[in-house]
PDB file of N, CA and C in Angstrom:
ATOM      1  N   UNK A   1      86.876 107.127  87.449  1.00  0.00           N
ATOM      2  CA  UNK A   1      86.484 108.301  87.001  1.00  0.00           C
ATOM      3  C   UNK A   1      87.879 109.103  87.177  1.00  0.00           C
ATOM      4  N   UNK A   2      88.510 109.689  87.236  1.00  0.00           N
ATOM      5  CA  UNK A   2      89.667 110.647  87.282  1.00  0.00           C
ATOM      6  C   UNK A   2      89.277 111.266  87.658  1.00  0.00           C
ATOM      7  N   UNK A   3      90.283 112.256  88.681  1.00  0.00           N
ATOM      8  CA  UNK A   3      90.069 113.449  88.840  1.00  0.00           C
ATOM      9  C   UNK A   3      90.294 114.644  87.676  1.00  0.00           C
ATOM     10  N   UNK A   4      89.675 116.067  87.928  1.00  0.00           N
ATOM     11  CA  UNK A   4      89.122 117.321  86.999  1.00  0.00           C
ATOM     12  C   UNK A   4      90.750 117.611  87.103  1.00  0.00           C
ATOM     13  N   UNK A   5      91.559 117.341  87.218  1.00  0.00           N
ATOM     14  CA  UNK A   5      93.318 117.165  86.737  1.00  0.00           C
ATOM     15  C   UNK A   5      93.749 116.492  85.846  1.00  0.00           C
ATOM     16  N   UNK A   6      93.515 115.560  86.486  1.00  0.00           N
ATOM     17  CA  UNK A   6      93.458 114.303  85.710  1.00  0.00           C
ATOM     18  C   UNK A   6      93.669 114.369  84.016  1.00  0.00           C
ATOM     19  N   UNK A   7      91.705 114.833  84.139  1.00  0.00           N
ATOM     20  CA  UNK A   7      91.265 115.100  82.932  1.00  0.00           C
ATOM     21  C   UNK A   7      91.005 116.251  81.966  1.00  0.00           C
ATOM     22  N   UNK A   8      91.730 117.376  82.860  1.00  0.00           N
ATOM     23  CA  UNK A   8      91.548 119.036  82.096  1.00  0.00           C
ATOM     24  C   UNK A   8      92.700 118.379  80.764  1.00  0.00           C
ATOM     25  N   UNK A   9      94.177 118.389  81.637  1.00  0.00           N
ATOM     26  CA  UNK A   9      95.311 117.622  79.992  1.00  0.00           C
ATOM     27  C   UNK A   9      94.653 117.419  78.793  1.00  0.00           C
ATOM     28  N   UNK A  10      93.896 116.164  78.684  1.00  0.00           N
ATOM     29  CA  UNK A  10      93.069 115.911  77.688  1.00  0.00           C
ATOM     30  C   UNK A  10      91.221 117.692  76.692  1.00  0.00           C
ATOM     31  N   UNK A  11      91.337 117.065  77.293  1.00  0.00           N
ATOM     32  CA  UNK A  11      90.551 118.202  77.458  1.00  0.00           C
ATOM     33  C   UNK A  11      90.872 119.648  76.897  1.00  0.00           C
ATOM     34  N   UNK A  12      92.163 120.371  77.207  1.00  0.00           N
ATOM     35  CA  UNK A  12      92.841 121.424  75.670  1.00  0.00           C
ATOM     36  C   UNK A  12      93.617 121.286  75.459  1.00  0.00           C
ATOM     37  N   UNK A  13      93.903 119.795  75.004  1.00  0.00           N
ATOM     38  CA  UNK A  13      94.336 119.098  73.922  1.00  0.00           C
ATOM     39  C   UNK A  13      93.331 118.766  73.102  1.00  0.00           C
ATOM     40  N   UNK A  14      91.778 118.341  73.619  1.00  0.00           N
ATOM     41  CA  UNK A  14      91.316 118.109  72.871  1.00  0.00           C
ATOM     42  C   UNK A  14      90.671 119.817  71.809  1.00  0.00           C
ATOM     43  N   UNK A  15      90.527 120.148  72.172  1.00  0.00           N
ATOM     44  CA  UNK A  15      89.470 121.841  72.333  1.00  0.00           C
ATOM     45  C   UNK A  15      90.096 122.413  70.721  1.00  0.00           C
ATOM     46  N   UNK A  16      91.565 122.580  70.410  1.00  0.00           N
ATOM     47  CA  UNK A  16      92.092 123.030  69.297  1.00  0.00           C
ATOM     48  C   UNK A  16      92.098 122.509  68.050  1.00  0.00           C
ATOM     49  N   UNK A  17      91.602 120.793  68.527  1.00  0.00           N
ATOM     50  CA  UNK A  17      91.661 120.274  66.951  1.00  0.00           C
ATOM     51  C   UNK A  17      90.228 119.979  66.973  1.00  0.00           C
ATOM     52  N   UNK A  18      89.502 120.186  68.028  1.00  0.00           N
ATOM     53  CA  UNK A  18      88.209 119.811  67.118  1.00  0.00           C
ATOM     54  C   UNK A  18      87.494 121.941  67.416  1.00  0.00           C
ATOM     55  N   UNK A  19      88.058 122.703  67.569  1.00  0.00           N
ATOM     56  CA  UNK A  19      87.955 123.816  66.978  1.00  0.00           C
ATOM     57  C   UNK A  19      88.767 123.828  65.205  1.00  0.00           C
ATOM     58  N   UNK A  20      88.997 123.078  64.446  1.00  0.00           N
ATOM     59  CA  UNK A  20      89.631 123.086  63.483  1.00  0.00           C
ATOM     60  C   UNK A  20      88.884 121.855  62.694  1.00  0.00           C
ATOM     61  N   UNK A  21      88.224 121.464  63.210  1.00  0.00           N
ATOM     62  CA  UNK A  21      87.505 120.377  62.812  1.00  0.00           C
ATOM     63  C   UNK A  21      86.304 121.015  62.704  1.00  0.00           C
ATOM     64  N   UNK A  22      85.625 122.119  63.582  1.00  0.00           N
ATOM     65  CA  UNK A  22      84.115 122.915  63.322  1.00  0.00           C
ATOM     66  C   UNK A  22      84.886 124.060  62.132  1.00  0.00           C
ATOM     67  N   UNK A  23      85.771 124.193  62.477  1.00  0.00           N
ATOM     68  CA  UNK A  23      85.663 125.244  61.172  1.00  0.00           C
ATOM     69  C   UNK A  23      85.816 125.247  60.257  1.00  0.00           C
ATOM     70  N   UNK A  24      86.811 124.386  59.828  1.00  0.00           N
ATOM     71  CA  UNK A  24      86.449 123.090  58.515  1.00  0.00           C
ATOM     72  C   UNK A  24      84.545 122.943  57.645  1.00  0.00           C
ATOM     73  N   UNK A  25      84.193 122.384  58.486  1.00  0.00           N
ATOM     74  CA  UNK A  25      83.551 121.343  58.106  1.00  0.00           C
ATOM     75  C   UNK A  25      82.093 122.284  58.203  1.00  0.00           C
ATOM     76  N   UNK A  26      81.979 123.412  59.549  1.00  0.00           N
ATOM     77  CA  UNK A  26      80.620 124.360  59.403  1.00  0.00           C
ATOM     78  C   UNK A  26      81.401 125.406  59.210  1.00  0.00           C
ATOM     79  N   UNK A  27      81.927 125.671  58.996  1.00  0.00           N
ATOM     80  CA  UNK A  27      82.300 127.339  58.514  1.00  0.00           C
ATOM     81  C   UNK A  27      82.901 126.895  57.234  1.00  0.00           C
ATOM     82  N   UNK A  28      83.343 126.043  56.836  1.00  0.00           N
ATOM     83  CA  UNK A  28      83.890 126.011  55.525  1.00  0.00           C
ATOM     84  C   UNK A  28      84.976 126.818  55.035  1.00  0.00           C
ATOM     85  N   UNK A  29      85.933 126.836  56.522  1.00  0.00           N
ATOM     86  CA  UNK A  29      86.974 127.353  56.232  1.00  0.00           C
ATOM     87  C   UNK A  29      88.474 126.206  55.603  1.00  0.00           C
ATOM     88  N   UNK A  30      88.893 126.944  55.312  1.00  0.00           N
ATOM     89  CA  UNK A  30      89.872 125.682  54.745  1.00  0.00           C
ATOM     90  C   UNK A  30      91.191 126.084  55.327  1.00  0.00           C
ATOM     91  N   UNK A  31      91.812 124.888  55.305  1.00  0.00           N
ATOM     92  CA  UNK A  31      93.513 124.649  56.496  1.00  0.00           C
ATOM     93  C   UNK A  31      94.617 124.205  55.525  1.00  0.00           C
ATOM     94  N   UNK A  32      94.722 125.184  55.870  1.00  0.00           N
ATOM     95  CA  UNK A  32      96.643 125.146  54.653  1.00  0.00           C
ATOM     96  C   UNK A  32      96.958 123.335  54.534  1.00  0.00           C
ATOM     97  N   UNK A  33      97.435 123.006  53.618  1.00  0.00           N
ATOM     98  CA  UNK A  33      98.330 121.964  53.554  1.00  0.00           C
ATOM     99  C   UNK A  33      99.150 121.959  53.189  1.00  0.00           C
ATOM    100  N   UNK A  34     100.407 122.491  53.405  1.00  0.00           N
ATOM    101  CA  UNK A  34     101.141 123.054  52.130  1.00  0.00           C
ATOM    102  C   UNK A  34     102.626 122.373  53.334  1.00  0.00           C
ATOM    103  N   UNK A  35     104.471 121.785  53.164  1.00  0.00           N
ATOM    104  CA  UNK A  35     104.882 121.209  53.547  1.00  0.00           C
ATOM    105  C   UNK A  35     105.610 121.910  54.976  1.00  0.00           C
ATOM    106  N   UNK A  36     105.717 123.265  54.916  1.00  0.00           N
ATOM    107  CA  UNK A  36     105.415 124.146  56.178  1.00  0.00           C
ATOM    108  C   UNK A  36     104.593 124.073  57.335  1.00  0.00           C
ATOM    109  N   UNK A  37     103.449 124.140  56.599  1.00  0.00           N
ATOM    110  CA  UNK A  37     102.562 124.226  57.672  1.00  0.00           C
ATOM    111  C   UNK A  37     101.536 123.250  58.476  1.00  0.00           C
ATOM    112  N   UNK A  38     101.841 121.793  57.272  1.00  0.00           N
ATOM    113  CA  UNK A  38     101.624 120.280  58.171  1.00  0.00           C
ATOM    114  C   UNK A  38     102.023 119.914  58.512  1.00  0.00           C
ATOM    115  N   UNK A  39     103.816 120.619  58.369  1.00  0.00           N
ATOM    116  CA  UNK A  39     104.811 119.874  59.507  1.00  0.00           C
ATOM    117  C   UNK A  39     104.608 120.404  60.828  1.00  0.00           C
ATOM    118  N   UNK A  40     104.316 121.859  60.705  1.00  0.00           N
ATOM    119  CA  UNK A  40     104.201 123.088  61.803  1.00  0.00           C
ATOM    120  C   UNK A  40     102.935 122.167  62.973  1.00  0.00           C
ATOM    121  N   UNK A  41     101.481 121.785  62.567  1.00  0.00           N
ATOM    122  CA  UNK A  41     100.341 121.728  63.560  1.00  0.00           C
ATOM    123  C   UNK A  41     100.734 119.896  63.595  1.00  0.00           C
ATOM    124  N   UNK A  42     101.232 119.541  62.104  1.00  0.00           N
ATOM    125  CA  UNK A  42     101.649 117.829  63.045  1.00  0.00           C
ATOM    126  C   UNK A  42     102.574 118.101  64.356  1.00  0.00           C
ATOM    127  N   UNK A  43     103.744 118.574  64.317  1.00  0.00           N
ATOM    128  CA  UNK A  43     104.110 118.840  65.654  1.00  0.00           C
ATOM    129  C   UNK A  43     104.089 119.374  66.975  1.00  0.00           C
ATOM    130  N   UNK A  44     102.849 120.183  66.882  1.00  0.00           N
ATOM    131  CA  UNK A  44     101.859 120.647  67.309  1.00  0.00           C
ATOM    132  C   UNK A  44     101.526 120.094  68.589  1.00  0.00           C
ATOM    133  N   UNK A  45     100.209 119.162  67.567  1.00  0.00           N
ATOM    134  CA  UNK A  45      99.967 118.124  67.485  1.00  0.00           C
ATOM    135  C   UNK A  45     100.925 116.540  68.973  1.00  0.00           C
ATOM    136  N   UNK A  46     101.920 116.820  68.120  1.00  0.00           N
ATOM    137  CA  UNK A  46     102.926 116.447  69.068  1.00  0.00           C
ATOM    138  C   UNK A  46     103.363 116.233  69.972  1.00  0.00           C
ATOM    139  N   UNK A  47     103.263 118.015  70.192  1.00  0.00           N
ATOM    140  CA  UNK A  47     103.536 118.323  71.062  1.00  0.00           C
ATOM    141  C   UNK A  47     102.334 118.130  72.603  1.00  0.00           C
ATOM    142  N   UNK A  48     101.769 118.466  71.746  1.00  0.00           N
ATOM    143  CA  UNK A  48     100.312 118.612  72.515  1.00  0.00           C
ATOM    144  C   UNK A  48      99.888 116.731  73.206  1.00  0.00           C
ATOM    145  N   UNK A  49     100.345 115.697  72.980  1.00  0.00           N
ATOM    146  CA  UNK A  49      99.900 114.424  73.101  1.00  0.00           C
ATOM    147  C   UNK A  49     101.429 114.272  73.644  1.00  0.00           C
ATOM    148  N   UNK A  50     102.703 114.610  73.445  1.00  0.00           N
ATOM    149  CA  UNK A  50     103.434 114.275  74.787  1.00  0.00           C
ATOM    150  C   UNK A  50     102.807 114.902  75.962  1.00  0.00           C
ATOM    151  N   UNK A  51     102.594 116.334  76.259  1.00  0.00           N
ATOM    152  CA  UNK A  51     102.045 116.658  77.268  1.00  0.00           C
ATOM    153  C   UNK A  51     101.048 116.017  77.778  1.00  0.00           C
ATOM    154  N   UNK A  52     100.209 115.316  77.591  1.00  0.00           N
ATOM    155  CA  UNK A  52      98.821 114.861  78.194  1.00  0.00           C
ATOM    156  C   UNK A  52      99.429 113.626  78.526  1.00  0.00           C
ATOM    157  N   UNK A  53     100.130 113.610  77.938  1.00  0.00           N
ATOM    158  CA  UNK A  53     101.197 111.512  78.251  1.00  0.00           C
ATOM    159  C   UNK A  53     101.362 111.788  79.710  1.00  0.00           C
ATOM    160  N   UNK A  54     102.777 113.234  80.078  1.00  0.00           N
ATOM    161  CA  UNK A  54     103.470 113.768  80.992  1.00  0.00           C
ATOM    162  C   UNK A  54     102.535 114.075  81.569  1.00  0.00           C
ATOM    163  N   UNK A  55     100.943 114.488  81.262  1.00  0.00           N
ATOM    164  CA  UNK A  55     100.262 115.157  82.970  1.00  0.00           C
ATOM    165  C   UNK A  55      99.888 114.238  83.039  1.00  0.00           C
ATOM    166  N   UNK A  56      99.432 113.551  82.517  1.00  0.00           N
ATOM    167  CA  UNK A  56      98.297 112.199  82.971  1.00  0.00           C
ATOM    168  C   UNK A  56      98.440 110.865  83.653  1.00  0.00           C
ATOM    169  N   UNK A  57     100.325 110.971  83.533  1.00  0.00           N
ATOM    170  CA  UNK A  57     101.111 110.188  84.677  1.00  0.00           C
ATOM    171  C   UNK A  57     101.721 110.840  85.658  1.00  0.00           C
ATOM    172  N   UNK A  58     101.121 111.796  85.817  1.00  0.00           N
ATOM    173  CA  UNK A  58     101.871 112.962  86.785  1.00  0.00           C
ATOM    174  C   UNK A  58     101.150 112.722  88.168  1.00  0.00           C
ATOM    175  N   UNK A  59     101.799 112.485  89.396  1.00  0.00           N
ATOM    176  CA  UNK A  59     100.888 112.209  90.251  1.00  0.00           C
ATOM    177  C   UNK A  59     100.767 113.173  91.099  1.00  0.00           C
ATOM    178  N   UNK A  60     100.402 114.510  90.180  1.00  0.00           N
ATOM    179  CA  UNK A  60      99.825 116.408  91.449  1.00  0.00           C
ATOM    180  C   UNK A  60      98.760 115.714  90.224  1.00  0.00           C
ATOM    181  N   UNK A  61      99.151 115.763  88.868  1.00  0.00           N
ATOM    182  CA  UNK A  61      97.836 116.418  88.330  1.00  0.00           C
ATOM    183  C   UNK A  61      96.311 115.291  88.420  1.00  0.00           C
ATOM    184  N   UNK A  62      96.628 114.137  89.238  1.00  0.00           N
ATOM    185  CA  UNK A  62      96.121 112.480  89.385  1.00  0.00           C
ATOM    186  C   UNK A  62      96.084 112.748  90.619  1.00  0.00           C
ATOM    187  N   UNK A  63      96.362 113.724  91.490  1.00  0.00           N
ATOM    188  CA  UNK A  63      96.355 113.735  92.858  1.00  0.00           C
ATOM    189  C   UNK A  63      96.493 112.764  93.973  1.00  0.00           C
ATOM    190  N   UNK A  64      97.732 111.964  93.259  1.00  0.00           N
ATOM    191  CA  UNK A  64      98.265 110.774  94.095  1.00  0.00           C
ATOM    192  C   UNK A  64      99.686 111.392  94.649  1.00  0.00           C
ATOM    193  N   UNK A  65      99.801 112.346  94.733  1.00  0.00           N
ATOM    194  CA  UNK A  65     100.891 113.075  95.391  1.00  0.00           C
ATOM    195  C   UNK A  65     100.775 112.754  97.135  1.00  0.00           C
ATOM    196  N   UNK A  66      99.849 113.178  97.094  1.00  0.00           N
ATOM    197  CA  UNK A  66      99.981 112.400  98.870  1.00  0.00           C
ATOM    198  C   UNK A  66      99.682 110.406  98.943  1.00  0.00           C
ATOM    199  N   UNK A  67      99.942 110.449  98.265  1.00  0.00           N
ATOM    200  CA  UNK A  67     100.168 108.673  98.336  1.00  0.00           C
ATOM    201  C   UNK A  67     101.054 108.030  98.151  1.00  0.00           C
ATOM    202  N   UNK A  68     101.935 109.157  97.108  1.00  0.00           N
ATOM    203  CA  UNK A  68     103.168 108.734  96.506  1.00  0.00           C
ATOM    204  C   UNK A  68     104.233 109.414  97.261  1.00  0.00           C
ATOM    205  N   UNK A  69     104.276 110.695  98.046  1.00  0.00           N
ATOM    206  CA  UNK A  69     104.598 111.240  99.595  1.00  0.00           C
ATOM    207  C   UNK A  69     104.736 110.041 101.015  1.00  0.00           C
ATOM    208  N   UNK A  70     103.530 109.178 101.253  1.00  0.00           N
ATOM    209  CA  UNK A  70     102.785 108.296 102.088  1.00  0.00           C
ATOM    210  C   UNK A  70     104.203 107.339 101.672  1.00  0.00           C
ATOM    211  N   UNK A  71     104.029 106.862 100.642  1.00  0.00           N
ATOM    212  CA  UNK A  71     105.068 105.257 100.328  1.00  0.00           C
ATOM    213  C   UNK A  71     106.395 105.335 100.379  1.00  0.00           C
ATOM    214  N   UNK A  72     106.005 107.293  99.949  1.00  0.00           N
ATOM    215  CA  UNK A  72     107.686 107.267 100.549  1.00  0.00           C
ATOM    216  C   UNK A  72     108.656 107.758 102.230  1.00  0.00           C
ATOM    217  N   UNK A  73     107.755 108.253 102.804  1.00  0.00           N
ATOM    218  CA  UNK A  73     108.234 108.129 104.037  1.00  0.00           C
ATOM    219  C   UNK A  73     108.043 106.508 104.745  1.00  0.00           C
ATOM    220  N   UNK A  74     106.921 105.897 103.713  1.00  0.00           N
ATOM    221  CA  UNK A  74     106.989 104.766 105.236  1.00  0.00           C
ATOM    222  C   UNK A  74     108.605 103.174 104.286  1.00  0.00           C
ATOM    223  N   UNK A  75     109.025 103.197 102.966  1.00  0.00           N
ATOM    224  CA  UNK A  75     110.032 103.293 102.381  1.00  0.00           C
ATOM    225  C   UNK A  75     110.910 103.823 103.470  1.00  0.00           C
ATOM    226  N   UNK A  76     111.348 105.442 103.853  1.00  0.00           N
ATOM    227  CA  UNK A  76     112.489 105.681 104.528  1.00  0.00           C
ATOM    228  C   UNK A  76     111.793 104.867 106.273  1.00  0.00           C
ATOM    229  N   UNK A  77     110.931 104.824 106.287  1.00  0.00           N
ATOM    230  CA  UNK A  77     110.343 103.475 108.003  1.00  0.00           C
ATOM    231  C   UNK A  77     111.432 102.885 108.351  1.00  0.00           C
ATOM    232  N   UNK A  78     110.452 102.039 107.255  1.00  0.00           N
ATOM    233  CA  UNK A  78     111.251 100.715 106.611  1.00  0.00           C
ATOM    234  C   UNK A  78     112.969 100.860 107.176  1.00  0.00           C
ATOM    235  N   UNK A  79     114.059 101.209 105.969  1.00  0.00           N
ATOM    236  CA  UNK A  79     114.998 101.945 106.621  1.00  0.00           C
ATOM    237  C   UNK A  79     115.860 102.054 107.600  1.00  0.00           C
ATOM    238  N   UNK A  80     115.213 103.179 108.412  1.00  0.00           N
ATOM    239  CA  UNK A  80     115.016 102.960 109.417  1.00  0.00           C
ATOM    240  C   UNK A  80     115.247 102.137 110.494  1.00  0.00           C
ATOM    241  N   UNK A  81     114.066 101.275 110.181  1.00  0.00           N
ATOM    242  CA  UNK A  81     113.745 100.024 111.062  1.00  0.00           C
ATOM    243  C   UNK A  81     115.189  99.341 110.769  1.00  0.00           C
ATOM    244  N   UNK A  82     115.304  98.681 109.352  1.00  0.00           N
ATOM    245  CA  UNK A  82     115.947  97.896 108.942  1.00  0.00           C
ATOM    246  C   UNK A  82     117.334  98.350 109.712  1.00  0.00           C
ATOM    247  N   UNK A  83     117.630  99.201 109.905  1.00  0.00           N
ATOM    248  CA  UNK A  83     119.685  99.665 109.918  1.00  0.00           C
ATOM    249  C   UNK A  83     118.877  99.649 111.827  1.00  0.00           C
ATOM    250  N   UNK A  84     118.173  99.145 112.334  1.00  0.00           N
ATOM    251  CA  UNK A  84     117.818  99.749 113.871  1.00  0.00           C
ATOM    252  C   UNK A  84     118.340  98.305 113.870  1.00  0.00           C
ATOM    253  N   UNK A  85     117.708  97.383 113.716  1.00  0.00           N
ATOM    254  CA  UNK A  85     117.442  95.897 114.331  1.00  0.00           C
ATOM    255  C   UNK A  85     118.952  95.472 113.670  1.00  0.00           C
ATOM    256  N   UNK A  86     119.729  95.772 112.628  1.00  0.00           N
ATOM    257  CA  UNK A  86     121.131  95.660 112.177  1.00  0.00           C
ATOM    258  C   UNK A  86     121.900  96.312 113.591  1.00  0.00           C
ATOM    259  N   UNK A  87     122.314  96.889 113.890  1.00  0.00           N
ATOM    260  CA  UNK A  87     122.494  97.594 114.951  1.00  0.00           C
ATOM    261  C   UNK A  87     122.008  97.041 115.799  1.00  0.00           C
ATOM    262  N   UNK A  88     120.951  96.821 117.238  1.00  0.00           N
ATOM    263  CA  UNK A  88     121.216  95.930 117.857  1.00  0.00           C
ATOM    264  C   UNK A  88     121.174  94.342 117.704  1.00  0.00           C
ATOM    265  N   UNK A  89     121.259  93.973 116.319  1.00  0.00           N
ATOM    266  CA  UNK A  89     121.692  92.656 116.106  1.00  0.00           C
ATOM    267  C   UNK A  89     123.186  92.168 116.614  1.00  0.00           C
ATOM    268  N   UNK A  90     124.144  93.428 116.662  1.00  0.00           N
ATOM    269  CA  UNK A  90     125.701  93.596 116.170  1.00  0.00           C
ATOM    270  C   UNK A  90     126.260  94.093 117.692  1.00  0.00           C
ATOM    271  N   UNK A  91     124.302  94.656 118.760  1.00  0.00           N
ATOM    272  CA  UNK A  91     125.028  95.000 120.189  1.00  0.00           C
ATOM    273  C   UNK A  91     125.297  94.225 120.498  1.00  0.00           C
ATOM    274  N   UNK A  92     123.827  93.170 120.742  1.00  0.00           N
ATOM    275  CA  UNK A  92     123.815  91.408 121.138  1.00  0.00           C
ATOM    276  C   UNK A  92     125.161  90.820 120.695  1.00  0.00           C
ATOM    277  N   UNK A  93     125.600  91.236 120.614  1.00  0.00           N
ATOM    278  CA  UNK A  93     126.525  89.799 119.201  1.00  0.00           C
ATOM    279  C   UNK A  93     127.956  89.719 120.454  1.00  0.00           C
ATOM    280  N   UNK A  94     128.347  91.279 120.864  1.00  0.00           N
ATOM    281  CA  UNK A  94     129.258  92.344 121.164  1.00  0.00           C
ATOM    282  C   UNK A  94     129.170  91.783 122.565  1.00  0.00           C
ATOM    283  N   UNK A  95     128.019  91.900 123.211  1.00  0.00           N
ATOM    284  CA  UNK A  95     127.490  91.591 124.570  1.00  0.00           C
ATOM    285  C   UNK A  95     127.491  90.058 124.917  1.00  0.00           C
ATOM    286  N   UNK A  96     127.583  89.414 124.059  1.00  0.00           N
ATOM    287  CA  UNK A  96     127.528  88.157 124.047  1.00  0.00           C
ATOM    288  C   UNK A  96     128.963  87.627 124.370  1.00  0.00           C
ATOM    289  N   UNK A  97     129.963  88.295 123.524  1.00  0.00           N
ATOM    290  CA  UNK A  97     131.246  87.932 123.202  1.00  0.00           C
ATOM    291  C   UNK A  97     132.482  88.624 124.422  1.00  0.00           C
ATOM    292  N   UNK A  98     131.844  89.469 125.011  1.00  0.00           N
ATOM    293  CA  UNK A  98     131.768  90.440 125.976  1.00  0.00           C
ATOM    294  C   UNK A  98     131.837  89.649 127.125  1.00  0.00           C
ATOM    295  N   UNK A  99     130.454  88.826 127.657  1.00  0.00           N
ATOM    296  CA  UNK A  99     130.071  87.924 128.579  1.00  0.00           C
ATOM    297  C   UNK A  99     130.888  86.723 128.461  1.00  0.00           C
ATOM    298  N   UNK A 100     131.277  86.286 127.454  1.00  0.00           N
ATOM    299  CA  UNK A 100     132.216  85.163 127.428  1.00  0.00           C
ATOM    300  C   UNK A 100     133.340  85.340 127.324  1.00  0.00           C
ATOM    301  N   UNK A 101     134.050  86.562 127.200  1.00  0.00           N
ATOM    302  CA  UNK A 101     135.447  86.236 127.496  1.00  0.00           C
ATOM    303  C   UNK A 101     135.747  86.973 129.389  1.00  0.00           C
ATOM    304  N   UNK A 102     134.582  87.264 129.399  1.00  0.00           N
ATOM    305  CA  UNK A 102     134.203  87.698 130.942  1.00  0.00           C
ATOM    306  C   UNK A 102     134.244  85.822 131.742  1.00  0.00           C
ATOM    307  N   UNK A 103     134.022  85.320 131.606  1.00  0.00           N
ATOM    308  CA  UNK A 103     133.596  84.575 131.748  1.00  0.00           C
ATOM    309  C   UNK A 103     135.084  83.852 131.909  1.00  0.00           C
ATOM    310  N   UNK A 104     135.839  83.295 130.339  1.00  0.00           N
ATOM    311  CA  UNK A 104     136.866  83.172 130.611  1.00  0.00           C
ATOM    312  C   UNK A 104     137.955  83.358 131.210  1.00  0.00           C
ATOM    313  N   UNK A 105     137.922  84.502 131.686  1.00  0.00           N
ATOM    314  CA  UNK A 105     138.530  85.189 132.344  1.00  0.00           C
ATOM    315  C   UNK A 105     139.046  85.014 134.129  1.00  0.00           C
ATOM    316  N   UNK A 106     137.319  85.074 134.176  1.00  0.00           N
ATOM    317  CA  UNK A 106     137.030  85.709 135.725  1.00  0.00           C
ATOM    318  C   UNK A 106     137.713  84.647 136.072  1.00  0.00           C
ATOM    319  N   UNK A 107     139.317  85.446 137.374  1.00  0.00           N
ATOM    320  CA  UNK A 107     139.659  83.664 138.439  1.00  0.00           C
ATOM    321  C   UNK A 107     138.501  82.798 139.087  1.00  0.00           C
ATOM    322  N   UNK A 108     138.646  81.555 139.374  1.00  0.00           N
ATOM    323  CA  UNK A 108     137.868  81.153 140.425  1.00  0.00           C
ATOM    324  C   UNK A 108     137.988  81.116 141.599  1.00  0.00           C
ATOM    325  N   UNK A 109     136.998  81.713 142.725  1.00  0.00           N
ATOM    326  CA  UNK A 109     136.967  81.776 144.245  1.00  0.00           C
ATOM    327  C   UNK A 109     138.065  80.191 144.537  1.00  0.00           C
ATOM    328  N   UNK A 110     137.914  80.905 145.725  1.00  0.00           N
ATOM    329  CA  UNK A 110     139.372  80.468 146.136  1.00  0.00           C
ATOM    330  C   UNK A 110     138.852  79.139 146.673  1.00  0.00           C
ATOM    331  N   UNK A 111     139.671  77.901 146.997  1.00  0.00           N
ATOM    332  CA  UNK A 111     139.737  76.426 147.560  1.00  0.00           C
ATOM    333  C   UNK A 111     139.962  76.688 149.309  1.00  0.00           C
ATOM    334  N   UNK A 112     138.692  76.449 149.764  1.00  0.00           N
ATOM    335  CA  UNK A 112     138.816  76.107 150.921  1.00  0.00           C
ATOM    336  C   UNK A 112     139.384  75.046 151.142  1.00  0.00           C
ATOM    337  N   UNK A 113     140.232  74.612 152.498  1.00  0.00           N
ATOM    338  CA  UNK A 113     140.569  73.769 152.819  1.00  0.00           C
ATOM    339  C   UNK A 113     140.566  73.001 154.540  1.00  0.00           C
ATOM    340  N   UNK A 114     140.817  72.243 155.108  1.00  0.00           N
ATOM    341  CA  UNK A 114     140.400  71.826 156.234  1.00  0.00           C
ATOM    342  C   UNK A 114     141.769  71.068 156.564  1.00  0.00           C
ATOM    343  N   UNK A 115     142.772  71.476 157.439  1.00  0.00           N
ATOM    344  CA  UNK A 115     143.945  70.608 157.293  1.00  0.00           C
ATOM    345  C   UNK A 115     143.644  70.421 159.259  1.00  0.00           C
ATOM    346  N   UNK A 116     144.155  69.437 159.632  1.00  0.00           N
ATOM    347  CA  UNK A 116     145.123  69.244 160.700  1.00  0.00           C
ATOM    348  C   UNK A 116     145.832  69.594 161.239  1.00  0.00           C
ATOM    349  N   UNK A 117     145.798  70.171 162.517  1.00  0.00           N
ATOM    350  CA  UNK A 117     147.278  70.593 163.201  1.00  0.00           C
ATOM    351  C   UNK A 117     147.994  69.461 163.517  1.00  0.00           C
ATOM    352  N   UNK A 118     149.218  69.414 164.087  1.00  0.00           N
ATOM    353  CA  UNK A 118     149.660  68.678 164.621  1.00  0.00           C
ATOM    354  C   UNK A 118     149.258  69.177 166.663  1.00  0.00           C
ATOM    355  N   UNK A 119     148.600  70.490 166.691  1.00  0.00           N
ATOM    356  CA  UNK A 119     148.360  70.131 167.989  1.00  0.00           C
ATOM    357  C   UNK A 119     146.844  68.879 168.054  1.00  0.00           C
ATOM    358  N   UNK A 120     146.142  68.942 167.373  1.00  0.00           N
ATOM    359  CA  UNK A 120     144.252  68.809 167.145  1.00  0.00           C
ATOM    360  C   UNK A 120     143.512  69.717 166.685  1.00  0.00           C
ATOM    361  N   UNK A 121     143.899  71.068 166.810  1.00  0.00           N
ATOM    362  CA  UNK A 121     142.537  71.318 166.299  1.00  0.00           C
ATOM    363  C   UNK A 121     142.943  71.447 165.400  1.00  0.00           C
ATOM    364  N   UNK A 122     141.352  72.001 164.315  1.00  0.00           N
ATOM    365  CA  UNK A 122     140.681  71.953 163.574  1.00  0.00           C
ATOM    366  C   UNK A 122     141.418  74.031 163.153  1.00  0.00           C
ATOM    367  N   UNK A 123     141.949  73.758 161.683  1.00  0.00           N
ATOM    368  CA  UNK A 123     141.835  75.505 161.163  1.00  0.00           C
ATOM    369  C   UNK A 123     141.335  75.368 159.286  1.00  0.00           C
ATOM    370  N   UNK A 124     140.878  76.112 159.380  1.00  0.00           N
ATOM    371  CA  UNK A 124     140.224  76.127 158.051  1.00  0.00           C
ATOM    372  C   UNK A 124     141.755  77.769 157.538  1.00  0.00           C
ATOM    373  N   UNK A 125     141.326  77.192 156.307  1.00  0.00           N
ATOM    374  CA  UNK A 125     142.582  77.981 155.571  1.00  0.00           C
ATOM    375  C   UNK A 125     142.611  78.296 154.506  1.00  0.00           C
ATOM    376  N   UNK A 126     143.139  78.954 153.460  1.00  0.00           N
ATOM    377  CA  UNK A 126     142.338  79.274 151.921  1.00  0.00           C
ATOM    378  C   UNK A 126     143.894  79.480 150.587  1.00  0.00           C
ATOM    379  N   UNK A 127     143.482  78.776 150.521  1.00  0.00           N
ATOM    380  CA  UNK A 127     144.867  78.860 149.025  1.00  0.00           C
ATOM    381  C   UNK A 127     144.650  79.187 147.945  1.00  0.00           C
TER     382      UNK A 127
END
């Protein structure tokens, strides 16, 4: 069952049509069927039906506006999360590249050699 705002537009459209039918049948009224009056009646009916179709599809009239806004916010949150994940991935790539570059350019620690001097005592030296 549709909520009242969704069915109200259909009621507003059917009411004048029902009035015309009851006026002609019950009250024995006359309906002008000339070219211009008939064209105006068909045009009015078309405008009313277009309005009903527009209102029936509207999230405001069907009470779905809150759900539509929630979906829109979820979409924005998903886009923000995706952007943050890309940024984090790029940052991790930069950090890895920096670490690799530093490892390639880090000088090795000096080697220690022990040599025996001519006097017979050993000393440690760095080169």
